[in-house]
PDB file of all heavy atoms in Angstrom:
ATOM      1  N   VAL A   1      28.630 -10.253  45.617  1.00  0.00           N
ATOM      2  CA  VAL A   1      27.840  -9.397  44.729  1.00  0.00           C
ATOM      3  C   VAL A   1      26.720 -10.211  44.071  1.00  0.00           C
ATOM      4  O   VAL A   1      25.590  -9.743  43.938  1.00  0.00           O
ATOM      5  CB  VAL A   1      28.723  -8.746  43.648  1.00  0.00           C
ATOM      6  CG1 VAL A   1      27.877  -7.889  42.710  1.00  0.00           C
ATOM      7  CG2 VAL A   1      29.818  -7.899  44.278  1.00  0.00           C
ATOM      8  N   ALA A   2      27.027 -11.452  43.679  1.00  0.00           N
ATOM      9  CA  ALA A   2      26.030 -12.310  43.041  1.00  0.00           C
ATOM     10  C   ALA A   2      24.845 -12.563  43.963  1.00  0.00           C
ATOM     11  O   ALA A   2      23.697 -12.658  43.511  1.00  0.00           O
ATOM     12  CB  ALA A   2      26.673 -13.638  42.634  1.00  0.00           C
ATOM     13  N   LEU A   3      25.095 -12.648  45.278  1.00  0.00           N
ATOM     14  CA  LEU A   3      24.020 -12.886  46.235  1.00  0.00           C
ATOM     15  C   LEU A   3      23.235 -11.605  46.531  1.00  0.00           C
ATOM     16  O   LEU A   3      22.008 -11.646  46.660  1.00  0.00           O
ATOM     17  CB  LEU A   3      24.608 -13.440  47.544  1.00  0.00           C
ATOM     18  CG  LEU A   3      25.234 -14.832  47.465  1.00  0.00           C
ATOM     19  CD1 LEU A   3      25.927 -15.168  48.777  1.00  0.00           C
ATOM     20  CD2 LEU A   3      24.184 -15.879  47.147  1.00  0.00           C
ATOM     21  N   GLU A   4      23.933 -10.480  46.632  1.00  0.00           N
ATOM     22  CA  GLU A   4      23.270  -9.234  47.004  1.00  0.00           C
ATOM     23  C   GLU A   4      22.608  -8.533  45.822  1.00  0.00           C
ATOM     24  O   GLU A   4      21.617  -7.828  45.990  1.00  0.00           O
ATOM     25  CB  GLU A   4      24.266  -8.282  47.670  1.00  0.00           C
ATOM     26  CG  GLU A   4      24.777  -8.782  49.017  1.00  0.00           C
ATOM     27  CD  GLU A   4      25.624  -7.749  49.729  1.00  0.00           C
ATOM     28  OE1 GLU A   4      25.593  -6.564  49.336  1.00  0.00           O
ATOM     29  OE2 GLU A   4      26.327  -8.130  50.685  1.00  0.00           O
ATOM     30  N   HIS A   5      23.180  -8.700  44.617  1.00  0.00           N
ATOM     31  CA  HIS A   5      22.649  -8.006  43.431  1.00  0.00           C
ATOM     32  C   HIS A   5      22.531  -8.967  42.248  1.00  0.00           C
ATOM     33  O   HIS A   5      23.166  -8.751  41.203  1.00  0.00           O
ATOM     34  CB  HIS A   5      23.552  -6.828  43.058  1.00  0.00           C
ATOM     35  CG  HIS A   5      23.657  -5.786  44.118  1.00  0.00           C
ATOM     36  ND1 HIS A   5      22.630  -4.921  44.429  1.00  0.00           N
ATOM     37  CD2 HIS A   5      24.668  -5.468  44.975  1.00  0.00           C
ATOM     38  CE1 HIS A   5      23.003  -4.113  45.407  1.00  0.00           C
ATOM     39  NE2 HIS A   5      24.229  -4.442  45.767  1.00  0.00           N
ATOM     40  N   PRO A   6      21.740 -10.031  42.379  1.00  0.00           N
ATOM     41  CA  PRO A   6      21.638 -10.998  41.274  1.00  0.00           C
ATOM     42  C   PRO A   6      21.071 -10.384  40.003  1.00  0.00           C
ATOM     43  O   PRO A   6      21.313 -10.888  38.906  1.00  0.00           O
ATOM     44  CB  PRO A   6      20.703 -12.081  41.838  1.00  0.00           C
ATOM     45  CG  PRO A   6      19.916 -11.379  42.903  1.00  0.00           C
ATOM     46  CD  PRO A   6      20.864 -10.381  43.499  1.00  0.00           C
ATOM     47  N   ASP A   7      20.324  -9.276  40.138  1.00  0.00           N
ATOM     48  CA  ASP A   7      19.703  -8.657  38.973  1.00  0.00           C
ATOM     49  C   ASP A   7      20.702  -7.939  38.086  1.00  0.00           C
ATOM     50  O   ASP A   7      20.425  -7.700  36.902  1.00  0.00           O
ATOM     51  CB  ASP A   7      18.620  -7.678  39.415  1.00  0.00           C
ATOM     52  CG  ASP A   7      19.144  -6.616  40.378  1.00  0.00           C
ATOM     53  OD1 ASP A   7      20.016  -6.964  41.198  1.00  0.00           O
ATOM     54  OD2 ASP A   7      18.679  -5.467  40.320  1.00  0.00           O
ATOM     55  N   ARG A   8      21.860  -7.568  38.620  1.00  0.00           N
ATOM     56  CA  ARG A   8      22.816  -6.813  37.810  1.00  0.00           C
ATOM     57  C   ARG A   8      24.180  -7.488  37.723  1.00  0.00           C
ATOM     58  O   ARG A   8      25.150  -6.866  37.296  1.00  0.00           O
ATOM     59  CB  ARG A   8      22.972  -5.396  38.351  1.00  0.00           C
ATOM     60  CG  ARG A   8      23.509  -5.289  39.759  1.00  0.00           C
ATOM     61  CD  ARG A   8      23.452  -3.850  40.234  1.00  0.00           C
ATOM     62  NE  ARG A   8      24.208  -3.635  41.453  1.00  0.00           N
ATOM     63  CZ  ARG A   8      24.284  -2.488  42.122  1.00  0.00           C
ATOM     64  NH1 ARG A   8      23.635  -1.449  41.663  1.00  0.00           N
ATOM     65  NH2 ARG A   8      24.989  -2.378  43.217  1.00  0.00           N
ATOM     66  N   TRP A   9      24.262  -8.746  38.131  1.00  0.00           N
ATOM     67  CA  TRP A   9      25.529  -9.461  38.121  1.00  0.00           C
ATOM     68  C   TRP A   9      25.558 -10.477  36.977  1.00  0.00           C
ATOM     69  O   TRP A   9      24.579 -11.180  36.732  1.00  0.00           O
ATOM     70  CB  TRP A   9      25.733 -10.170  39.458  1.00  0.00           C
ATOM     71  CG  TRP A   9      27.037 -10.906  39.586  1.00  0.00           C
ATOM     72  CD1 TRP A   9      27.211 -12.248  39.670  1.00  0.00           C
ATOM     73  CD2 TRP A   9      28.346 -10.325  39.628  1.00  0.00           C
ATOM     74  NE1 TRP A   9      28.544 -12.552  39.771  1.00  0.00           N
ATOM     75  CE2 TRP A   9      29.271 -11.388  39.753  1.00  0.00           C
ATOM     76  CE3 TRP A   9      28.834  -9.027  39.567  1.00  0.00           C
ATOM     77  CZ2 TRP A   9      30.642 -11.186  39.815  1.00  0.00           C
ATOM     78  CZ3 TRP A   9      30.201  -8.826  39.646  1.00  0.00           C
ATOM     79  CH2 TRP A   9      31.092  -9.888  39.769  1.00  0.00           C
ATOM     80  N   GLY A  10      26.694 -10.533  36.272  1.00  0.00           N
ATOM     81  CA  GLY A  10      26.865 -11.528  35.212  1.00  0.00           C
ATOM     82  C   GLY A  10      27.592 -12.750  35.725  1.00  0.00           C
ATOM     83  O   GLY A  10      27.039 -13.853  35.767  1.00  0.00           O
ATOM     84  N   GLY A  11      28.859 -12.584  36.164  1.00  0.00           N
ATOM     85  CA  GLY A  11      29.591 -13.714  36.692  1.00  0.00           C
ATOM     86  C   GLY A  11      31.078 -13.453  36.769  1.00  0.00           C
ATOM     87  O   GLY A  11      31.554 -12.337  36.529  1.00  0.00           O
ATOM     88  N   LEU A  12      31.828 -14.517  37.104  1.00  0.00           N
ATOM     89  CA  LEU A  12      33.279 -14.482  37.262  1.00  0.00           C
ATOM     90  C   LEU A  12      33.921 -15.383  36.223  1.00  0.00           C
ATOM     91  O   LEU A  12      33.502 -16.535  36.047  1.00  0.00           O
ATOM     92  CB  LEU A  12      33.664 -14.956  38.671  1.00  0.00           C
ATOM     93  CG  LEU A  12      33.234 -14.057  39.826  1.00  0.00           C
ATOM     94  CD1 LEU A  12      33.111 -14.865  41.115  1.00  0.00           C
ATOM     95  CD2 LEU A  12      34.249 -12.924  40.026  1.00  0.00           C
ATOM     96  N   ILE A  13      34.944 -14.865  35.561  1.00  0.00           N
ATOM     97  CA  ILE A  13      35.634 -15.632  34.519  1.00  0.00           C
ATOM     98  C   ILE A  13      37.136 -15.470  34.725  1.00  0.00           C
ATOM     99  O   ILE A  13      37.644 -14.345  34.743  1.00  0.00           O
ATOM    100  CB  ILE A  13      35.256 -15.141  33.098  1.00  0.00           C
ATOM    101  CG1 ILE A  13      33.741 -15.184  32.901  1.00  0.00           C
ATOM    102  CG2 ILE A  13      35.974 -15.967  32.043  1.00  0.00           C
ATOM    103  CD1 ILE A  13      33.282 -14.489  31.642  1.00  0.00           C
ATOM    104  N   ASP A  14      37.841 -16.569  34.914  1.00  0.00           N
ATOM    105  CA  ASP A  14      39.300 -16.531  34.989  1.00  0.00           C
ATOM    106  C   ASP A  14      39.846 -17.100  33.689  1.00  0.00           C
ATOM    107  O   ASP A  14      39.613 -18.273  33.370  1.00  0.00           O
ATOM    108  CB  ASP A  14      39.804 -17.355  36.186  1.00  0.00           C
ATOM    109  CG  ASP A  14      41.270 -17.070  36.476  1.00  0.00           C
ATOM    110  OD1 ASP A  14      41.564 -15.997  37.005  1.00  0.00           O
ATOM    111  OD2 ASP A  14      42.114 -17.928  36.155  1.00  0.00           O
ATOM    112  N   ILE A  15      40.558 -16.274  32.936  1.00  0.00           N
ATOM    113  CA  ILE A  15      40.950 -16.668  31.588  1.00  0.00           C
ATOM    114  C   ILE A  15      42.232 -15.940  31.192  1.00  0.00           C
ATOM    115  O   ILE A  15      42.443 -14.780  31.557  1.00  0.00           O
ATOM    116  CB  ILE A  15      39.805 -16.351  30.583  1.00  0.00           C
ATOM    117  CG1 ILE A  15      40.106 -16.866  29.197  1.00  0.00           C
ATOM    118  CG2 ILE A  15      39.495 -14.857  30.573  1.00  0.00           C
ATOM    119  CD1 ILE A  15      38.910 -16.752  28.235  1.00  0.00           C
ATOM    120  N   ALA A  16      43.100 -16.624  30.468  1.00  0.00           N
ATOM    121  CA  ALA A  16      44.330 -16.022  29.951  1.00  0.00           C
ATOM    122  C   ALA A  16      44.059 -15.386  28.590  1.00  0.00           C
ATOM    123  O   ALA A  16      43.106 -15.749  27.887  1.00  0.00           O
ATOM    124  CB  ALA A  16      45.420 -17.082  29.821  1.00  0.00           C
ATOM    125  N   ASP A  17      44.894 -14.431  28.208  1.00  0.00           N
ATOM    126  CA  ASP A  17      44.716 -13.764  26.919  1.00  0.00           C
ATOM    127  C   ASP A  17      44.739 -14.758  25.765  1.00  0.00           C
ATOM    128  O   ASP A  17      44.035 -14.574  24.758  1.00  0.00           O
ATOM    129  CB  ASP A  17      45.805 -12.705  26.722  1.00  0.00           C
ATOM    130  CG  ASP A  17      45.563 -11.470  27.580  1.00  0.00           C
ATOM    131  OD1 ASP A  17      44.474 -11.382  28.200  1.00  0.00           O
ATOM    132  OD2 ASP A  17      46.447 -10.596  27.634  1.00  0.00           O
ATOM    133  N   THR A  18      45.533 -15.828  25.892  1.00  0.00           N
ATOM    134  CA  THR A  18      45.648 -16.813  24.805  1.00  0.00           C
ATOM    135  C   THR A  18      44.367 -17.604  24.599  1.00  0.00           C
ATOM    136  O   THR A  18      44.189 -18.213  23.541  1.00  0.00           O
ATOM    137  CB  THR A  18      46.810 -17.774  25.103  1.00  0.00           C
ATOM    138  OG1 THR A  18      46.621 -18.336  26.408  1.00  0.00           O
ATOM    139  CG2 THR A  18      48.141 -17.044  25.058  1.00  0.00           C
ATOM    140  N   ASP A  19      43.478 -17.603  25.595  1.00  0.00           N
ATOM    141  CA  ASP A  19      42.209 -18.344  25.478  1.00  0.00           C
ATOM    142  C   ASP A  19      41.016 -17.414  25.279  1.00  0.00           C
ATOM    143  O   ASP A  19      39.866 -17.850  25.362  1.00  0.00           O
ATOM    144  CB  ASP A  19      41.971 -19.180  26.747  1.00  0.00           C
ATOM    145  CG  ASP A  19      42.986 -20.299  26.910  1.00  0.00           C
ATOM    146  OD1 ASP A  19      43.302 -20.952  25.904  1.00  0.00           O
ATOM    147  OD2 ASP A  19      43.446 -20.517  28.052  1.00  0.00           O
ATOM    148  N   MET A  20      41.268 -16.145  24.995  1.00  0.00           N
ATOM    149  CA  MET A  20      40.208 -15.152  25.001  1.00  0.00           C
ATOM    150  C   MET A  20      39.154 -15.394  23.916  1.00  0.00           C
ATOM    151  O   MET A  20      38.018 -14.912  24.029  1.00  0.00           O
ATOM    152  CB  MET A  20      40.790 -13.748  24.857  1.00  0.00           C
ATOM    153  CG  MET A  20      39.901 -12.661  25.432  1.00  0.00           C
ATOM    154  SD  MET A  20      39.577 -12.850  27.200  1.00  0.00           S
ATOM    155  CE  MET A  20      41.165 -12.367  27.895  1.00  0.00           C
ATOM    156  N   ALA A  21      39.471 -16.185  22.895  1.00  0.00           N
ATOM    157  CA  ALA A  21      38.469 -16.484  21.864  1.00  0.00           C
ATOM    158  C   ALA A  21      37.286 -17.254  22.442  1.00  0.00           C
ATOM    159  O   ALA A  21      36.191 -17.263  21.851  1.00  0.00           O
ATOM    160  CB  ALA A  21      39.113 -17.298  20.740  1.00  0.00           C
ATOM    161  N   LEU A  22      37.466 -17.885  23.601  1.00  0.00           N
ATOM    162  CA  LEU A  22      36.384 -18.626  24.244  1.00  0.00           C
ATOM    163  C   LEU A  22      35.452 -17.729  25.045  1.00  0.00           C
ATOM    164  O   LEU A  22      34.393 -18.170  25.510  1.00  0.00           O
ATOM    165  CB  LEU A  22      36.968 -19.703  25.171  1.00  0.00           C
ATOM    166  CG  LEU A  22      37.872 -20.756  24.514  1.00  0.00           C
ATOM    167  CD1 LEU A  22      38.512 -21.633  25.582  1.00  0.00           C
ATOM    168  CD2 LEU A  22      37.065 -21.598  23.539  1.00  0.00           C
ATOM    169  N   LEU A  23      35.841 -16.470  25.258  1.00  0.00           N
ATOM    170  CA  LEU A  23      35.073 -15.571  26.111  1.00  0.00           C
ATOM    171  C   LEU A  23      33.627 -15.360  25.640  1.00  0.00           C
ATOM    172  O   LEU A  23      32.702 -15.440  26.466  1.00  0.00           O
ATOM    173  CB  LEU A  23      35.793 -14.235  26.237  1.00  0.00           C
ATOM    174  CG  LEU A  23      35.121 -13.186  27.122  1.00  0.00           C
ATOM    175  CD1 LEU A  23      35.042 -13.673  28.573  1.00  0.00           C
ATOM    176  CD2 LEU A  23      35.884 -11.852  27.065  1.00  0.00           C
ATOM    177  N   PRO A  24      33.350 -15.091  24.349  1.00  0.00           N
ATOM    178  CA  PRO A  24      31.961 -14.866  23.945  1.00  0.00           C
ATOM    179  C   PRO A  24      31.044 -16.032  24.271  1.00  0.00           C
ATOM    180  O   PRO A  24      29.898 -15.827  24.693  1.00  0.00           O
ATOM    181  CB  PRO A  24      32.069 -14.638  22.430  1.00  0.00           C
ATOM    182  CG  PRO A  24      33.452 -14.104  22.233  1.00  0.00           C
ATOM    183  CD  PRO A  24      34.292 -14.846  23.223  1.00  0.00           C
ATOM    184  N   GLY A  25      31.519 -17.265  24.092  1.00  0.00           N
ATOM    185  CA  GLY A  25      30.693 -18.420  24.419  1.00  0.00           C
ATOM    186  C   GLY A  25      30.354 -18.481  25.896  1.00  0.00           C
ATOM    187  O   GLY A  25      29.253 -18.905  26.284  1.00  0.00           O
ATOM    188  N   ILE A  26      31.297 -18.068  26.738  1.00  0.00           N
ATOM    189  CA  ILE A  26      31.029 -18.044  28.184  1.00  0.00           C
ATOM    190  C   ILE A  26      30.003 -16.975  28.521  1.00  0.00           C
ATOM    191  O   ILE A  26      29.073 -17.197  29.299  1.00  0.00           O
ATOM    192  CB  ILE A  26      32.345 -17.804  28.954  1.00  0.00           C
ATOM    193  CG1 ILE A  26      33.339 -18.927  28.677  1.00  0.00           C
ATOM    194  CG2 ILE A  26      32.071 -17.674  30.439  1.00  0.00           C
ATOM    195  CD1 ILE A  26      34.727 -18.659  29.206  1.00  0.00           C
ATOM    196  N   LEU A  27      30.161 -15.785  27.922  1.00  0.00           N
ATOM    197  CA  LEU A  27      29.239 -14.683  28.203  1.00  0.00           C
ATOM    198  C   LEU A  27      27.820 -15.019  27.763  1.00  0.00           C
ATOM    199  O   LEU A  27      26.852 -14.533  28.366  1.00  0.00           O
ATOM    200  CB  LEU A  27      29.716 -13.407  27.493  1.00  0.00           C
ATOM    201  CG  LEU A  27      31.061 -12.840  27.956  1.00  0.00           C
ATOM    202  CD1 LEU A  27      31.457 -11.661  27.081  1.00  0.00           C
ATOM    203  CD2 LEU A  27      31.009 -12.426  29.423  1.00  0.00           C
ATOM    204  N   ALA A  28      27.684 -15.819  26.741  1.00  0.00           N
ATOM    205  CA  ALA A  28      26.356 -16.181  26.245  1.00  0.00           C
ATOM    206  C   ALA A  28      25.802 -17.424  26.924  1.00  0.00           C
ATOM    207  O   ALA A  28      24.648 -17.807  26.682  1.00  0.00           O
ATOM    208  CB  ALA A  28      26.413 -16.411  24.731  1.00  0.00           C
ATOM    209  N   GLY A  29      26.591 -18.058  27.785  1.00  0.00           N
ATOM    210  CA  GLY A  29      26.176 -19.298  28.427  1.00  0.00           C
ATOM    211  C   GLY A  29      25.447 -19.076  29.739  1.00  0.00           C
ATOM    212  O   GLY A  29      25.126 -17.950  30.119  1.00  0.00           O
ATOM    213  N   ALA A  30      25.221 -20.186  30.469  1.00  0.00           N
ATOM    214  CA  ALA A  30      24.442 -20.151  31.705  1.00  0.00           C
ATOM    215  C   ALA A  30      25.306 -20.195  32.959  1.00  0.00           C
ATOM    216  O   ALA A  30      24.801 -20.014  34.061  1.00  0.00           O
ATOM    217  CB  ALA A  30      23.458 -21.316  31.740  1.00  0.00           C
ATOM    218  N   GLU A  31      26.618 -20.438  32.804  1.00  0.00           N
ATOM    219  CA  GLU A  31      27.490 -20.551  33.969  1.00  0.00           C
ATOM    220  C   GLU A  31      27.973 -19.170  34.413  1.00  0.00           C
ATOM    221  O   GLU A  31      28.270 -18.307  33.582  1.00  0.00           O
ATOM    222  CB  GLU A  31      28.704 -21.432  33.648  1.00  0.00           C
ATOM    223  CG  GLU A  31      28.341 -22.846  33.242  1.00  0.00           C
ATOM    224  CD  GLU A  31      27.783 -23.664  34.398  1.00  0.00           C
ATOM    225  OE1 GLU A  31      28.008 -23.265  35.562  1.00  0.00           O
ATOM    226  OE2 GLU A  31      27.139 -24.700  34.143  1.00  0.00           O
ATOM    227  N   ASP A  32      28.075 -18.982  35.750  1.00  0.00           N
ATOM    228  CA  ASP A  32      28.508 -17.673  36.255  1.00  0.00           C
ATOM    229  C   ASP A  32      29.810 -17.742  37.052  1.00  0.00           C
ATOM    230  O   ASP A  32      30.252 -16.722  37.591  1.00  0.00           O
ATOM    231  CB  ASP A  32      27.410 -17.038  37.110  1.00  0.00           C
ATOM    232  CG  ASP A  32      27.139 -17.802  38.396  1.00  0.00           C
ATOM    233  OD1 ASP A  32      27.624 -18.941  38.523  1.00  0.00           O
ATOM    234  OD2 ASP A  32      26.444 -17.259  39.272  1.00  0.00           O
ATOM    235  N   GLN A  33      30.449 -18.922  37.140  1.00  0.00           N
ATOM    236  CA  GLN A  33      31.760 -19.051  37.772  1.00  0.00           C
ATOM    237  C   GLN A  33      32.585 -20.011  36.914  1.00  0.00           C
ATOM    238  O   GLN A  33      32.401 -21.223  36.994  1.00  0.00           O
ATOM    239  CB  GLN A  33      31.640 -19.568  39.208  1.00  0.00           C
ATOM    240  CG  GLN A  33      30.893 -18.608  40.128  1.00  0.00           C
ATOM    241  CD  GLN A  33      30.794 -19.108  41.552  1.00  0.00           C
ATOM    242  OE1 GLN A  33      31.769 -19.585  42.120  1.00  0.00           O
ATOM    243  NE2 GLN A  33      29.597 -19.004  42.118  1.00  0.00           N
ATOM    244  N   VAL A  34      33.483 -19.442  36.104  1.00  0.00           N
ATOM    245  CA  VAL A  34      34.151 -20.212  35.054  1.00  0.00           C
ATOM    246  C   VAL A  34      35.647 -19.943  35.097  1.00  0.00           C
ATOM    247  O   VAL A  34      36.087 -18.802  35.273  1.00  0.00           O
ATOM    248  CB  VAL A  34      33.591 -19.835  33.659  1.00  0.00           C
ATOM    249  CG1 VAL A  34      34.384 -20.508  32.561  1.00  0.00           C
ATOM    250  CG2 VAL A  34      32.115 -20.202  33.568  1.00  0.00           C
ATOM    251  N   MET A  35      36.437 -21.010  34.927  1.00  0.00           N
ATOM    252  CA  MET A  35      37.876 -20.892  34.736  1.00  0.00           C
ATOM    253  C   MET A  35      38.263 -21.628  33.453  1.00  0.00           C
ATOM    254  O   MET A  35      37.763 -22.724  33.191  1.00  0.00           O
ATOM    255  CB  MET A  35      38.646 -21.483  35.922  1.00  0.00           C
ATOM    256  CG  MET A  35      38.646 -20.606  37.160  1.00  0.00           C
ATOM    257  SD  MET A  35      39.847 -21.181  38.391  1.00  0.00           S
ATOM    258  CE  MET A  35      39.669 -19.906  39.647  1.00  0.00           C
ATOM    259  N   VAL A  36      39.126 -20.995  32.669  1.00  0.00           N
ATOM    260  CA  VAL A  36      39.594 -21.592  31.418  1.00  0.00           C
ATOM    261  C   VAL A  36      41.032 -22.036  31.612  1.00  0.00           C
ATOM    262  O   VAL A  36      41.896 -21.227  31.985  1.00  0.00           O
ATOM    263  CB  VAL A  36      39.478 -20.599  30.246  1.00  0.00           C
ATOM    264  CG1 VAL A  36      39.952 -21.262  28.955  1.00  0.00           C
ATOM    265  CG2 VAL A  36      38.042 -20.099  30.109  1.00  0.00           C
ATOM    266  N   ARG A  37      41.301 -23.314  31.349  1.00  0.00           N
ATOM    267  CA  ARG A  37      42.638 -23.868  31.488  1.00  0.00           C
ATOM    268  C   ARG A  37      42.986 -24.698  30.255  1.00  0.00           C
ATOM    269  O   ARG A  37      42.231 -25.616  29.894  1.00  0.00           O
ATOM    270  CB  ARG A  37      42.733 -24.752  32.749  1.00  0.00           C
ATOM    271  CG  ARG A  37      42.557 -23.991  34.059  1.00  0.00           C
ATOM    272  CD  ARG A  37      43.717 -23.031  34.298  1.00  0.00           C
ATOM    273  NE  ARG A  37      43.577 -22.268  35.537  1.00  0.00           N
ATOM    274  CZ  ARG A  37      42.980 -21.093  35.632  1.00  0.00           C
ATOM    275  NH1 ARG A  37      42.465 -20.525  34.535  1.00  0.00           N
ATOM    276  NH2 ARG A  37      42.896 -20.464  36.782  1.00  0.00           N
ATOM    277  N   SER A  38      44.106 -24.344  29.604  1.00  0.00           N
ATOM    278  CA  SER A  38      44.605 -25.085  28.440  1.00  0.00           C
ATOM    279  C   SER A  38      43.534 -25.246  27.373  1.00  0.00           C
ATOM    280  O   SER A  38      43.335 -26.331  26.806  1.00  0.00           O
ATOM    281  CB  SER A  38      45.126 -26.468  28.871  1.00  0.00           C
ATOM    282  OG  SER A  38      46.146 -26.342  29.842  1.00  0.00           O
ATOM    283  N   GLY A  39      42.808 -24.169  27.118  1.00  0.00           N
ATOM    284  CA  GLY A  39      41.821 -24.180  26.051  1.00  0.00           C
ATOM    285  C   GLY A  39      40.515 -24.858  26.396  1.00  0.00           C
ATOM    286  O   GLY A  39      39.666 -25.046  25.511  1.00  0.00           O
ATOM    287  N   THR A  40      40.294 -25.251  27.643  1.00  0.00           N
ATOM    288  CA  THR A  40      39.055 -25.906  28.054  1.00  0.00           C
ATOM    289  C   THR A  40      38.356 -25.066  29.115  1.00  0.00           C
ATOM    290  O   THR A  40      38.983 -24.597  30.070  1.00  0.00           O
ATOM    291  CB  THR A  40      39.329 -27.310  28.613  1.00  0.00           C
ATOM    292  OG1 THR A  40      39.985 -28.091  27.618  1.00  0.00           O
ATOM    293  CG2 THR A  40      38.027 -28.003  29.008  1.00  0.00           C
ATOM    294  N   VAL A  41      37.044 -24.905  28.945  1.00  0.00           N
ATOM    295  CA  VAL A  41      36.236 -24.141  29.895  1.00  0.00           C
ATOM    296  C   VAL A  41      35.790 -25.070  31.022  1.00  0.00           C
ATOM    297  O   VAL A  41      35.259 -26.156  30.770  1.00  0.00           O
ATOM    298  CB  VAL A  41      35.013 -23.521  29.197  1.00  0.00           C
ATOM    299  CG1 VAL A  41      34.147 -22.766  30.214  1.00  0.00           C
ATOM    300  CG2 VAL A  41      35.450 -22.588  28.073  1.00  0.00           C
ATOM    301  N   HIS A  42      35.996 -24.639  32.267  1.00  0.00           N
ATOM    302  CA  HIS A  42      35.588 -25.409  33.433  1.00  0.00           C
ATOM    303  C   HIS A  42      34.623 -24.577  34.268  1.00  0.00           C
ATOM    304  O   HIS A  42      34.832 -23.371  34.474  1.00  0.00           O
ATOM    305  CB  HIS A  42      36.787 -25.788  34.303  1.00  0.00           C
ATOM    306  CG  HIS A  42      37.768 -26.685  33.620  1.00  0.00           C
ATOM    307  ND1 HIS A  42      38.676 -26.243  32.687  1.00  0.00           N
ATOM    308  CD2 HIS A  42      37.969 -28.027  33.747  1.00  0.00           C
ATOM    309  CE1 HIS A  42      39.406 -27.250  32.266  1.00  0.00           C
ATOM    310  NE2 HIS A  42      39.003 -28.350  32.895  1.00  0.00           N
TER     311      HIS A  42
END
């Protein structure tokens, strides 16, 4: 989807409910493929 519709795609985020407080920072950032593990964004 990112390749075919870059104009309407945000990104992919793999995150547990316990780390959800980090979600706004990811949404406002520049990365579009992110995984959160043990409280750290990768």
